[in-house]
Amino acid sequence: MSTSRPPLAIRMHAADNVAIIANDGGLPAGTVLPAGVAEGLVLRDKVPQGHKVALTDLAQGQAVLRYNVPVGYARQAIPAGSWVHERLLDIPPARELQGLPMATVQPAPQAPLEGFTFDGYVNADGSVGTRNLLAITTTVQCVAGVVKIAVERIERELLPLFPHVDGVVGLEHSYGCGVAIDAPGAEIPIRTLRHISLNPNFGGEVMVVSLGCEKLQPDRLLPLGTFPIQPVSVTASEAWQSMGAQALDLVCLQDDAHVGFMSMIDHIVQSARPHLERLNARRRQTVPASALVVGVQCGGSDAFSGVTANPAVGYMADLIVRAGGTVMFSENTEVRDAVEQLTSRAATPQVAQDIVRELGWYDQYLDRGKVDRTANTTPGNKAGGLSNIAEKAMGSIIKSGSSVISSVLAPGNKLRADQKGLIFAATPASDFICGTLQLAAGMNVHVFTTGRGTPYGLQACPVVKVATRTDLARRWHDLMDMNAGRIADGEISIEEAGWELFRMMLDVASGRKTWAEHWKLHNALVLFNPAPIT
């Protein structure tokens, strides 16, 4: 236990009747709290780091306030100085989706932020990549093993010949067959995979590997007119050719031309070469910061997430919006308890109604599974001081900043060119699914906050990892890109941290490697599929 620093408790709002203990290792019973929070209050219990202490006597049934919002109701009388944990609290009921404030708060417009740029790859459709990657799209999980071996061979034999290409990404997933492909909800994974193939970091180069007999046929995944297809010289499957489609770089493993495993591998490797040649001819160009499309997310959250890292991300988000860029925040269950904050900040009543539509659809989805939003909170969240989803949501929503919410994106949809500013991209809260859906939306750089620690990464997009606590940043010094715990330590302000993160995002967008990229850490794509599996 660290007792080298004076006792430190953090209260988020003057009306709060609890504060969190900030000291590494927590504080023992008998500790006297300092001035500024509850001067002279003596801890009755040992309180772990990040956990709440009652600043006043709390009566049974009284609201426990953090962020000046009820995060629970006391199940019993809780004396001042006591450790307030999840076993002592009843969660507030979820806010109904009727009678909400709809576009009632219009944040004061902030001055445009001009003169900030990064060096990126300009695509034919006007989007900008932060990396120059070859993606190999797959129609079905059955081909994943073959594609993995082909990618290893491309990396070993071809990539050294094309030094301006950053890498090769096999878009492996668990979808494509054995699914009710026409059921309600099945359109979500299909359009997700389609739009990931069009991510700005892939430079408009589309290469597909199919098995041949799967339900998700290439023409359904990538219909004619989905994208401008480069001319290729490889043989497509007879099924595709019979439709009279323009040339698609498609390798179908069941084609009669493939005799033996190595012919499949050779075909994929040969198909990759013209794509690599075109990607290798590209160079970074200086573009305005308005070309940033940033996805924000948190995972392995703790009570400091809403104190340090997420407020810093929120400040950064406002800077990006001021610079004309795009910021997507997501995680349905982690904003559900703040729904009135979202609908009130909507640009128009229609945008507010779109928020209600997406969160309402997700409520119904959870109800079909006989669960609700409370299933979100993990054992690690609770060990880090987050008693329930209501408290977690109040800290999560802060990373959206203070800008007006300009539009809403349904799961798997791709941002249009005219969708700028702060976007609510509706996704499940799962780290991997949220990241996958934000890639489909067109994200070109990602920021991910964590308090408990996670080696999360994405192969298709750089991920900037922000630690909520100095102890985590110290222990995971070669996994965390920024230490927002310095805010709680009193070393920097939220504003200073936000500016630091904003500049870091520009550097990363220009090619600076994140720690996840350095170690080649990445998680598999996980498609959100609410439809049945057959």
Protein backbone atom coordinates (compact mmCIF):
# COMPACT_ATOMS: atom_id res chain seq x y z
CA MET A 1 0.00 0.00 0.00
CA SER A 2 1.31 3.42 -0.97
CA THR A 3 1.08 6.01 1.84
CA SER A 4 3.80 8.35 0.55
CA ARG A 5 1.29 10.88 -0.77
CA PRO A 6 -1.14 12.81 1.39
CA PRO A 7 -4.70 11.46 1.41
CA LEU A 8 -6.52 12.49 -1.75
CA ALA A 9 -10.27 12.26 -2.37
CA ILE A 10 -11.94 13.56 -5.53
CA ARG A 11 -15.48 14.92 -5.62
CA MET A 12 -16.82 15.60 -9.13
CA HIS A 13 -19.55 18.13 -8.17
CA ALA A 14 -20.11 20.34 -5.15
CA ALA A 15 -23.46 18.65 -4.53
CA ASP A 16 -21.99 15.13 -4.44
CA ASN A 17 -22.31 13.22 -1.16
CA VAL A 18 -19.54 10.77 -2.08
CA ALA A 19 -15.97 11.14 -3.29
CA ILE A 20 -13.50 8.62 -4.69
CA ILE A 21 -10.18 7.82 -3.05
CA ALA A 22 -7.32 8.58 -5.44
CA ASN A 23 -4.28 7.22 -3.58
CA ASP A 24 -2.50 4.17 -4.99
CA GLY A 25 -3.50 1.21 -2.85
CA GLY A 26 -6.40 3.12 -1.30
CA LEU A 27 -6.48 4.46 2.25
CA PRO A 28 -6.77 2.62 5.58
CA ALA A 29 -9.45 3.11 8.19
CA GLY A 30 -8.64 6.00 10.47
CA THR A 31 -7.27 8.21 7.71
CA VAL A 32 -8.28 11.85 8.06
CA LEU A 33 -9.40 13.40 4.78
CA PRO A 34 -7.95 16.75 3.76
CA ALA A 35 -9.52 20.16 3.27
CA GLY A 36 -11.39 20.80 0.06
CA VAL A 37 -13.53 17.67 0.13
CA ALA A 38 -14.53 16.80 3.68
CA GLU A 39 -11.99 18.34 6.00
CA GLY A 40 -11.51 16.29 9.14
CA LEU A 41 -13.68 13.36 8.02
CA VAL A 42 -12.23 10.10 9.37
CA LEU A 43 -12.49 6.94 7.27
CA ARG A 44 -14.47 4.26 9.13
CA ASP A 45 -13.36 1.56 6.65
CA LYS A 46 -10.40 0.80 4.46
CA VAL A 47 -11.38 2.24 1.07
CA PRO A 48 -9.68 0.86 -2.09
CA GLN A 49 -8.37 3.21 -4.76
CA GLY A 50 -11.15 4.51 -7.00
CA HIS A 51 -13.89 3.53 -4.58
CA LYS A 52 -16.40 5.86 -2.96
CA VAL A 53 -16.46 7.20 0.56
CA ALA A 54 -19.60 8.70 2.11
CA LEU A 55 -19.01 12.40 2.84
CA THR A 56 -22.18 12.68 4.95
CA ASP A 57 -24.49 10.31 6.75
CA LEU A 58 -26.69 8.64 4.13
CA ALA A 59 -30.15 7.46 5.12
CA GLN A 60 -31.66 4.24 3.82
CA GLY A 61 -33.19 4.96 0.40
CA GLN A 62 -31.26 8.23 -0.04
CA ALA A 63 -29.78 8.99 -3.44
CA VAL A 64 -26.01 8.59 -3.66
CA LEU A 65 -24.79 11.44 -5.84
CA ARG A 66 -21.72 11.42 -8.07
CA TYR A 67 -21.48 13.94 -10.93
CA ASN A 68 -24.56 15.40 -9.15
CA VAL A 69 -26.49 12.43 -10.55
CA PRO A 70 -27.98 9.53 -8.55
CA VAL A 71 -25.74 6.53 -9.17
CA GLY A 72 -27.62 4.43 -6.63
CA TYR A 73 -29.85 4.44 -3.59
CA ALA A 74 -28.58 3.37 -0.18
CA ARG A 75 -29.94 -0.07 0.83
CA GLN A 76 -29.24 0.78 4.46
CA ALA A 77 -28.05 3.71 6.52
CA ILE A 78 -24.42 4.49 5.63
CA PRO A 79 -22.48 6.59 8.14
CA ALA A 80 -20.12 9.32 6.92
CA GLY A 81 -16.62 7.97 6.33
CA SER A 82 -17.86 4.54 5.20
CA TRP A 83 -16.84 2.68 2.06
CA VAL A 84 -19.76 2.89 -0.39
CA HIS A 85 -19.67 -0.14 -2.69
CA GLU A 86 -22.07 -1.89 -5.02
CA ARG A 87 -23.46 -4.23 -2.33
CA LEU A 88 -24.81 -1.20 -0.48
CA LEU A 89 -26.59 0.32 -3.48
CA ASP A 90 -29.73 -0.26 -5.49
CA ILE A 91 -29.36 0.84 -9.11
CA PRO A 92 -31.64 3.63 -10.34
CA PRO A 93 -34.29 2.53 -12.85
CA ALA A 94 -33.54 3.19 -16.50
CA ARG A 95 -34.87 6.49 -17.82
CA GLU A 96 -37.94 6.03 -19.98
CA LEU A 97 -37.53 6.99 -23.64
CA GLN A 98 -40.62 9.17 -23.59
CA GLY A 99 -40.87 12.76 -22.45
CA LEU A 100 -37.20 13.47 -23.05
CA PRO A 101 -35.82 16.94 -23.74
CA MET A 102 -35.43 17.05 -27.51
CA ALA A 103 -32.82 19.45 -28.92
CA THR A 104 -33.43 21.85 -26.04
CA VAL A 105 -29.79 22.72 -25.32
CA GLN A 106 -27.70 24.28 -28.05
CA PRO A 107 -24.11 24.63 -26.85
CA ALA A 108 -22.60 28.00 -27.59
CA PRO A 109 -20.66 27.79 -30.86
CA GLN A 110 -16.91 27.79 -30.34
CA ALA A 111 -14.44 29.58 -32.55
CA PRO A 112 -13.17 27.47 -35.47
CA LEU A 113 -9.76 25.92 -34.90
CA GLU A 114 -7.63 26.64 -37.95
CA GLY A 115 -4.12 25.88 -39.10
CA PHE A 116 -3.81 22.29 -37.82
CA THR A 117 -2.86 19.60 -40.32
CA PHE A 118 -1.60 16.04 -40.63
CA ASP A 119 0.03 14.02 -43.38
CA GLY A 120 -2.33 11.40 -44.77
CA TYR A 121 -3.21 9.42 -47.87
CA VAL A 122 -5.87 11.12 -49.99
CA ASN A 123 -8.30 8.68 -51.60
CA ALA A 124 -10.25 9.05 -54.84
CA ASP A 125 -13.53 9.51 -52.94
CA GLY A 126 -12.09 12.38 -50.90
CA SER A 127 -11.59 10.40 -47.70
CA VAL A 128 -8.14 10.35 -46.10
CA GLY A 129 -6.27 7.36 -44.75
CA THR A 130 -3.86 7.50 -41.85
CA ARG A 131 -2.29 4.20 -42.91
CA ASN A 132 -1.61 2.64 -46.33
CA LEU A 133 -2.84 -0.94 -46.01
CA LEU A 134 -3.90 -3.74 -48.32
CA ALA A 135 -7.07 -5.41 -47.05
CA ILE A 136 -8.18 -8.86 -48.14
CA THR A 137 -11.92 -9.18 -47.60
CA THR A 138 -13.35 -12.61 -46.89
CA THR A 139 -16.94 -13.68 -47.46
CA VAL A 140 -16.96 -16.51 -44.93
CA GLN A 141 -15.00 -17.86 -41.95
CA CYS A 142 -14.21 -21.05 -43.89
CA VAL A 143 -11.44 -19.29 -45.85
CA ALA A 144 -9.75 -17.68 -42.82
CA GLY A 145 -7.00 -20.26 -42.46
CA VAL A 146 -6.07 -20.07 -46.14
CA VAL A 147 -6.02 -16.27 -46.06
CA LYS A 148 -3.85 -16.27 -42.94
CA ILE A 149 -1.18 -18.38 -44.66
CA ALA A 150 -1.42 -16.26 -47.81
CA VAL A 151 -1.00 -13.05 -45.83
CA GLU A 152 2.10 -14.45 -44.12
CA ARG A 153 3.57 -15.26 -47.50
CA ILE A 154 2.67 -11.80 -48.89
CA GLU A 155 4.34 -10.17 -45.90
CA ARG A 156 7.43 -12.33 -46.31
CA GLU A 157 7.83 -12.28 -50.11
CA LEU A 158 6.11 -9.15 -51.44
CA LEU A 159 6.02 -6.44 -48.79
CA PRO A 160 9.83 -5.90 -48.84
CA LEU A 161 9.40 -4.94 -52.51
CA PHE A 162 6.81 -2.27 -51.65
CA PRO A 163 8.27 -0.17 -48.81
CA HIS A 164 5.52 2.46 -48.89
CA VAL A 165 2.82 -0.08 -47.98
CA ASP A 166 2.26 -0.32 -44.23
CA GLY A 167 0.92 -3.86 -44.14
CA VAL A 168 -1.60 -6.47 -45.22
CA VAL A 169 -4.81 -7.09 -43.29
CA GLY A 170 -6.91 -10.22 -43.65
CA LEU A 171 -10.48 -9.23 -42.76
CA GLU A 172 -11.29 -12.43 -40.91
CA HIS A 173 -14.67 -12.79 -39.22
CA SER A 174 -17.05 -15.50 -38.02
CA TYR A 175 -19.90 -14.73 -40.42
CA GLY A 176 -20.93 -15.84 -43.92
CA CYS A 177 -22.61 -19.21 -43.60
CA GLY A 178 -24.68 -21.19 -41.13
CA VAL A 179 -26.69 -18.02 -40.50
CA ALA A 180 -30.25 -16.90 -41.19
CA ILE A 181 -29.01 -14.53 -43.85
CA ASP A 182 -32.43 -13.05 -44.70
CA ALA A 183 -33.65 -12.67 -41.13
CA PRO A 184 -34.30 -9.26 -39.57
CA GLY A 185 -30.98 -7.96 -38.29
CA ALA A 186 -28.88 -9.96 -40.76
CA GLU A 187 -28.28 -6.79 -42.76
CA ILE A 188 -26.12 -5.42 -39.94
CA PRO A 189 -23.13 -7.81 -40.22
CA ILE A 190 -23.35 -7.77 -44.03
CA ARG A 191 -23.18 -4.00 -44.35
CA THR A 192 -20.55 -3.87 -41.60
CA LEU A 193 -18.18 -6.10 -43.54
CA ARG A 194 -18.95 -4.28 -46.78
CA HIS A 195 -18.15 -0.90 -45.26
CA ILE A 196 -15.01 -2.10 -43.49
CA SER A 197 -13.74 -3.07 -46.95
CA LEU A 198 -14.14 0.63 -47.87
CA ASN A 199 -12.30 2.01 -44.83
CA PRO A 200 -10.10 5.00 -45.79
CA ASN A 201 -6.98 3.21 -44.57
CA PHE A 202 -7.35 0.66 -47.40
CA GLY A 203 -6.96 3.19 -50.19
CA GLY A 204 -9.87 2.00 -52.33
CA GLU A 205 -8.16 -1.30 -53.14
CA VAL A 206 -10.62 -4.17 -52.78
CA MET A 207 -9.57 -7.81 -52.93
CA VAL A 208 -11.94 -10.64 -52.01
CA VAL A 209 -11.47 -14.30 -51.11
CA SER A 210 -14.57 -16.50 -51.26
CA LEU A 211 -15.16 -20.20 -50.66
CA GLY A 212 -17.91 -20.51 -53.27
CA CYS A 213 -20.85 -22.24 -51.56
CA GLU A 214 -21.41 -19.82 -48.68
CA LYS A 215 -24.64 -17.93 -48.09
CA LEU A 216 -22.89 -14.57 -48.21
CA GLN A 217 -22.03 -14.58 -51.91
CA PRO A 218 -19.63 -11.90 -53.22
CA ASP A 219 -22.36 -10.10 -55.17
CA ARG A 220 -24.39 -9.73 -52.00
CA LEU A 221 -21.46 -8.55 -49.95
CA LEU A 222 -20.19 -6.11 -52.59
CA PRO A 223 -22.99 -5.29 -55.06
CA LEU A 224 -22.23 -3.55 -58.33
CA GLY A 225 -21.66 0.14 -57.85
CA THR A 226 -20.48 -0.23 -54.24
CA PHE A 227 -17.07 1.20 -55.13
CA PRO A 228 -14.85 1.98 -58.10
CA ILE A 229 -13.15 -1.33 -58.92
CA GLN A 230 -9.62 -1.30 -60.27
CA PRO A 231 -9.03 -3.36 -63.45
CA VAL A 232 -7.47 -6.72 -62.65
CA SER A 233 -6.19 -9.63 -64.67
CA VAL A 234 -7.10 -12.57 -62.46
CA THR A 235 -9.84 -15.12 -63.07
CA ALA A 236 -13.07 -14.53 -61.15
CA SER A 237 -15.49 -17.26 -60.20
CA GLU A 238 -17.90 -18.45 -62.91
CA ALA A 239 -20.82 -17.44 -60.72
CA TRP A 240 -19.65 -13.84 -60.62
CA GLN A 241 -18.77 -13.76 -64.33
CA SER A 242 -22.21 -15.06 -65.28
CA MET A 243 -23.75 -11.93 -63.81
CA GLY A 244 -21.81 -9.77 -66.25
CA ALA A 245 -20.22 -7.88 -63.37
CA GLN A 246 -17.32 -5.59 -63.95
CA ALA A 247 -14.03 -7.15 -62.95
CA LEU A 248 -13.73 -7.81 -59.22
CA ASP A 249 -10.51 -9.13 -57.80
CA LEU A 250 -12.11 -12.29 -56.50
CA VAL A 251 -10.36 -15.52 -55.58
CA CYS A 252 -12.88 -18.36 -55.20
CA LEU A 253 -11.30 -21.39 -53.54
CA GLN A 254 -13.79 -23.84 -55.03
CA ASP A 255 -12.99 -22.81 -58.62
CA ASP A 256 -11.99 -25.78 -60.78
CA ALA A 257 -8.73 -24.01 -61.60
CA HIS A 258 -7.46 -24.65 -58.09
CA VAL A 259 -5.69 -27.99 -57.95
CA GLY A 260 -4.21 -28.42 -54.52
CA PHE A 261 -3.76 -26.08 -51.58
CA MET A 262 -0.74 -24.25 -52.97
CA SER A 263 -2.63 -23.18 -56.08
CA MET A 264 -5.06 -21.31 -53.80
CA ILE A 265 -2.20 -19.61 -51.97
CA ASP A 266 -0.42 -18.76 -55.22
CA HIS A 267 -3.60 -17.23 -56.63
CA ILE A 268 -4.10 -14.97 -53.60
CA VAL A 269 -0.44 -13.90 -53.58
CA GLN A 270 -0.46 -13.16 -57.31
CA SER A 271 -3.69 -11.19 -56.95
CA ALA A 272 -2.15 -9.05 -54.22
CA ARG A 273 0.73 -7.77 -56.36
CA PRO A 274 -1.16 -5.20 -58.53
CA HIS A 275 -2.87 -3.83 -55.45
CA LEU A 276 0.44 -3.47 -53.67
CA GLU A 277 1.92 -1.73 -56.70
CA ARG A 278 -0.82 0.88 -56.69
CA LEU A 279 -0.68 1.38 -52.93
CA ASN A 280 3.11 1.68 -53.06
CA ALA A 281 2.83 4.59 -55.50
CA ARG A 282 0.91 6.64 -52.94
CA ARG A 283 2.58 9.25 -50.72
CA ARG A 284 1.41 11.17 -47.70
CA GLN A 285 0.06 14.63 -48.37
CA THR A 286 -0.56 17.47 -45.95
CA VAL A 287 -4.28 17.73 -45.27
CA PRO A 288 -6.32 19.80 -42.79
CA ALA A 289 -7.28 18.34 -39.44
CA SER A 290 -10.86 18.31 -40.73
CA ALA A 291 -9.99 15.02 -42.47
CA LEU A 292 -9.75 13.24 -39.11
CA VAL A 293 -12.47 10.68 -38.40
CA VAL A 294 -11.89 9.68 -34.79
CA GLY A 295 -13.63 6.89 -32.94
CA VAL A 296 -13.61 7.18 -29.14
CA GLN A 297 -14.14 4.26 -26.82
CA CYS A 298 -13.34 3.04 -23.31
CA GLY A 299 -12.68 -0.44 -22.00
CA GLY A 300 -11.50 -1.95 -18.74
CA SER A 301 -12.97 1.17 -17.15
CA ASP A 302 -12.59 2.23 -13.54
CA ALA A 303 -13.77 5.12 -11.40
CA PHE A 304 -10.96 7.30 -12.76
CA SER A 305 -12.21 6.93 -16.34
CA GLY A 306 -14.75 9.68 -15.75
CA VAL A 307 -12.25 11.81 -13.80
CA THR A 308 -9.14 11.87 -16.00
CA ALA A 309 -9.00 10.05 -19.35
CA ASN A 310 -12.58 10.49 -20.57
CA PRO A 311 -12.75 14.23 -19.73
CA ALA A 312 -9.43 14.66 -21.59
CA VAL A 313 -10.86 12.78 -24.58
CA GLY A 314 -13.98 14.94 -24.40
CA TYR A 315 -11.87 18.09 -24.53
CA MET A 316 -9.95 16.63 -27.49
CA ALA A 317 -13.25 15.79 -29.19
CA ASP A 318 -14.33 19.42 -28.94
CA LEU A 319 -11.04 20.50 -30.50
CA ILE A 320 -11.47 18.11 -33.42
CA VAL A 321 -15.02 19.32 -34.01
CA ARG A 322 -13.79 22.92 -33.91
CA ALA A 323 -11.17 21.96 -36.51
CA GLY A 324 -13.93 20.66 -38.80
CA GLY A 325 -13.26 16.99 -38.13
CA THR A 326 -15.50 14.10 -37.14
CA VAL A 327 -15.75 12.34 -33.79
CA MET A 328 -17.82 9.21 -33.19
CA PHE A 329 -18.85 8.15 -29.71
CA SER A 330 -20.76 4.90 -29.21
CA GLU A 331 -21.49 2.15 -26.66
CA ASN A 332 -25.28 2.05 -26.28
CA THR A 333 -25.46 0.63 -22.77
CA GLU A 334 -22.81 3.08 -21.56
CA VAL A 335 -24.78 6.13 -22.66
CA ARG A 336 -28.28 4.78 -21.97
CA ASP A 337 -28.41 6.25 -18.45
CA ALA A 338 -27.40 9.63 -19.86
CA VAL A 339 -30.01 9.62 -22.62
CA GLU A 340 -31.50 12.99 -21.64
CA GLN A 341 -28.03 14.53 -21.97
CA LEU A 342 -27.85 13.19 -25.52
CA THR A 343 -31.32 14.15 -26.74
CA SER A 344 -31.04 17.64 -25.26
CA ARG A 345 -27.72 18.23 -27.09
CA ALA A 346 -29.06 17.02 -30.45
CA ALA A 347 -28.77 19.49 -33.32
CA THR A 348 -32.45 19.06 -34.25
CA PRO A 349 -35.53 17.26 -32.93
CA GLN A 350 -35.03 14.69 -35.72
CA VAL A 351 -31.49 13.91 -34.51
CA ALA A 352 -32.88 13.55 -30.98
CA GLN A 353 -35.53 11.17 -32.29
CA ASP A 354 -32.83 9.18 -34.10
CA ILE A 355 -31.00 8.74 -30.78
CA VAL A 356 -34.21 7.50 -29.17
CA ARG A 357 -34.79 5.12 -32.10
CA GLU A 358 -31.37 3.49 -31.78
CA LEU A 359 -31.41 3.19 -27.99
CA GLY A 360 -34.98 1.91 -28.08
CA TRP A 361 -34.07 -0.74 -30.64
CA TYR A 362 -31.19 -1.82 -28.42
CA ASP A 363 -33.44 -2.00 -25.35
CA GLN A 364 -35.65 -4.41 -27.29
CA TYR A 365 -32.62 -6.42 -28.42
CA LEU A 366 -31.49 -6.85 -24.81
CA ASP A 367 -35.02 -7.68 -23.70
CA ARG A 368 -35.18 -10.54 -26.21
CA GLY A 369 -32.12 -11.96 -24.50
CA LYS A 370 -33.74 -11.58 -21.06
CA VAL A 371 -31.14 -9.06 -19.87
CA ASP A 372 -30.92 -5.32 -19.55
CA ARG A 373 -28.23 -2.63 -19.37
CA THR A 374 -27.08 -3.83 -15.93
CA ALA A 375 -25.42 -6.84 -17.58
CA ASN A 376 -22.76 -4.46 -18.94
CA THR A 377 -20.71 -3.85 -15.79
CA THR A 378 -17.79 -6.28 -15.40
CA PRO A 379 -16.07 -7.61 -12.27
CA GLY A 380 -13.08 -5.43 -13.21
CA ASN A 381 -15.27 -2.32 -13.44
CA LYS A 382 -16.55 -2.99 -9.92
CA ALA A 383 -13.07 -3.73 -8.58
CA GLY A 384 -12.06 -0.36 -10.02
CA GLY A 385 -14.79 1.45 -8.09
CA LEU A 386 -17.72 1.53 -10.55
CA SER A 387 -20.70 0.23 -8.59
CA ASN A 388 -23.10 -0.18 -11.49
CA ILE A 389 -23.90 0.86 -15.06
CA ALA A 390 -25.49 4.14 -13.96
CA GLU A 391 -22.21 5.30 -12.44
CA LYS A 392 -20.23 3.90 -15.37
CA ALA A 393 -22.42 5.74 -17.88
CA MET A 394 -21.90 9.11 -16.21
CA GLY A 395 -18.14 8.72 -16.65
CA SER A 396 -18.41 7.26 -20.14
CA ILE A 397 -20.54 10.01 -21.69
CA ILE A 398 -17.94 12.65 -20.79
CA LYS A 399 -15.71 11.54 -23.64
CA SER A 400 -18.26 12.91 -26.12
CA GLY A 401 -17.26 16.43 -25.08
CA SER A 402 -19.69 19.32 -25.16
CA SER A 403 -20.43 19.85 -28.86
CA VAL A 404 -23.87 19.55 -30.39
CA ILE A 405 -24.66 16.03 -31.67
CA SER A 406 -24.99 16.54 -35.41
CA SER A 407 -26.24 13.12 -36.55
CA VAL A 408 -26.77 9.47 -35.66
CA LEU A 409 -25.43 6.36 -37.36
CA ALA A 410 -27.08 2.93 -37.17
CA PRO A 411 -24.83 -0.13 -36.64
CA GLY A 412 -22.81 -1.03 -39.73
CA ASN A 413 -23.58 2.14 -41.66
CA LYS A 414 -20.87 4.27 -43.24
CA LEU A 415 -20.54 8.00 -42.66
CA ARG A 416 -21.51 10.17 -45.60
CA ALA A 417 -19.13 12.89 -46.74
CA ASP A 418 -21.50 15.54 -45.38
CA GLN A 419 -21.64 14.00 -41.89
CA LYS A 420 -19.19 16.01 -39.82
CA GLY A 421 -18.89 17.07 -36.22
CA LEU A 422 -19.97 14.94 -33.26
CA ILE A 423 -21.75 11.73 -34.28
CA PHE A 424 -23.53 9.17 -32.14
CA ALA A 425 -22.59 5.88 -33.83
CA ALA A 426 -24.88 3.36 -32.14
CA THR A 427 -22.98 0.18 -31.21
CA PRO A 428 -22.88 -2.43 -28.48
CA ALA A 429 -20.38 -1.61 -25.73
CA SER A 430 -18.16 -4.65 -26.39
CA ASP A 431 -14.68 -3.30 -27.17
CA PHE A 432 -14.20 -5.53 -30.20
CA ILE A 433 -17.68 -5.06 -31.67
CA CYS A 434 -17.65 -1.31 -31.10
CA GLY A 435 -14.23 -0.98 -32.75
CA THR A 436 -15.36 -3.13 -35.68
CA LEU A 437 -18.46 -0.99 -36.24
CA GLN A 438 -16.50 2.26 -35.97
CA LEU A 439 -14.13 0.91 -38.63
CA ALA A 440 -17.14 0.26 -40.85
CA ALA A 441 -18.30 3.83 -40.25
CA GLY A 442 -15.03 5.13 -41.69
CA MET A 443 -12.83 5.75 -38.65
CA ASN A 444 -9.21 6.50 -39.58
CA VAL A 445 -7.78 6.86 -36.05
CA HIS A 446 -9.01 5.56 -32.70
CA VAL A 447 -8.59 6.63 -29.07
CA PHE A 448 -9.23 4.12 -26.31
CA THR A 449 -9.21 4.86 -22.58
CA THR A 450 -8.65 2.24 -19.90
CA GLY A 451 -8.28 2.15 -16.14
CA ARG A 452 -7.86 -1.54 -15.43
CA GLY A 453 -5.67 -2.02 -18.53
CA THR A 454 -6.21 -3.88 -21.80
CA PRO A 455 -3.84 -4.64 -24.72
CA TYR A 456 -6.66 -3.86 -27.17
CA GLY A 457 -5.66 -2.91 -30.71
CA LEU A 458 -6.97 -2.81 -34.27
CA GLN A 459 -4.97 -3.96 -37.28
CA ALA A 460 -6.80 -1.66 -39.69
CA CYS A 461 -6.46 1.54 -37.70
CA PRO A 462 -4.00 3.05 -35.18
CA VAL A 463 -5.29 2.98 -31.60
CA VAL A 464 -4.07 5.60 -29.12
CA LYS A 465 -4.35 4.11 -25.61
CA VAL A 466 -4.92 6.47 -22.68
CA ALA A 467 -4.40 5.30 -19.09
CA THR A 468 -6.68 6.74 -16.43
CA ARG A 469 -4.19 6.23 -13.59
CA THR A 470 -0.47 6.92 -13.18
CA ASP A 471 0.05 3.50 -11.60
CA LEU A 472 -1.30 1.77 -14.72
CA ALA A 473 0.78 4.02 -16.99
CA ARG A 474 3.89 3.16 -14.95
CA ARG A 475 3.32 -0.58 -14.94
CA TRP A 476 2.18 -0.72 -18.59
CA HIS A 477 4.70 1.85 -19.76
CA ASP A 478 5.13 0.16 -23.14
CA LEU A 479 1.41 -0.34 -23.81
CA MET A 480 -0.13 3.01 -22.86
CA ASP A 481 0.43 5.95 -25.21
CA MET A 482 -0.62 8.66 -22.76
CA ASN A 483 -1.01 8.97 -19.00
CA ALA A 484 -4.14 10.92 -18.11
CA GLY A 485 -3.59 9.99 -14.48
CA ARG A 486 -1.45 13.12 -14.24
CA ILE A 487 -4.74 15.02 -14.01
CA ALA A 488 -5.60 13.33 -10.71
CA ASP A 489 -1.98 13.81 -9.60
CA GLY A 490 -2.37 17.55 -10.08
CA GLU A 491 0.39 17.74 -12.71
CA ILE A 492 -1.75 18.86 -15.65
CA SER A 493 -5.27 20.15 -16.22
CA ILE A 494 -8.00 18.51 -18.29
CA GLU A 495 -7.52 21.27 -20.86
CA GLU A 496 -3.77 20.63 -21.08
CA ALA A 497 -4.34 16.89 -21.40
CA GLY A 498 -6.93 17.47 -24.13
CA TRP A 499 -4.54 19.57 -26.17
CA GLU A 500 -1.75 17.02 -25.68
CA LEU A 501 -4.03 14.26 -26.91
CA PHE A 502 -5.21 16.35 -29.87
CA ARG A 503 -1.62 16.91 -31.01
CA MET A 504 -0.82 13.25 -30.45
CA MET A 505 -3.74 12.26 -32.69
CA LEU A 506 -2.36 14.46 -35.47
CA ASP A 507 1.08 12.89 -35.06
CA VAL A 508 -0.34 9.36 -35.11
CA ALA A 509 -2.48 10.20 -38.13
CA SER A 510 0.73 11.33 -39.83
CA GLY A 511 2.40 7.96 -39.26
CA ARG A 512 3.73 7.93 -35.70
CA LYS A 513 3.33 4.38 -34.42
CA THR A 514 1.30 3.63 -31.32
CA TRP A 515 2.49 1.02 -28.83
CA ALA A 516 -0.11 -1.44 -30.15
CA GLU A 517 1.33 -0.99 -33.65
CA HIS A 518 4.87 -1.32 -32.32
CA TRP A 519 4.09 -4.72 -30.81
CA LYS A 520 1.69 -5.67 -33.66
CA LEU A 521 -1.10 -6.18 -31.12
CA HIS A 522 -4.61 -6.38 -32.48
CA ASN A 523 -7.95 -7.99 -31.75
CA ALA A 524 -9.99 -9.93 -34.28
CA LEU A 525 -12.93 -8.26 -35.98
CA VAL A 526 -16.20 -9.17 -34.29
CA LEU A 527 -19.32 -8.54 -36.36
CA PHE A 528 -22.51 -7.61 -34.52
CA ASN A 529 -25.10 -10.19 -35.60
CA PRO A 530 -28.48 -9.91 -33.86
CA ALA A 531 -30.06 -12.40 -36.29
CA PRO A 532 -30.41 -16.15 -35.58
CA ILE A 533 -27.75 -18.71 -36.41
CA THR A 534 -28.99 -21.82 -38.16
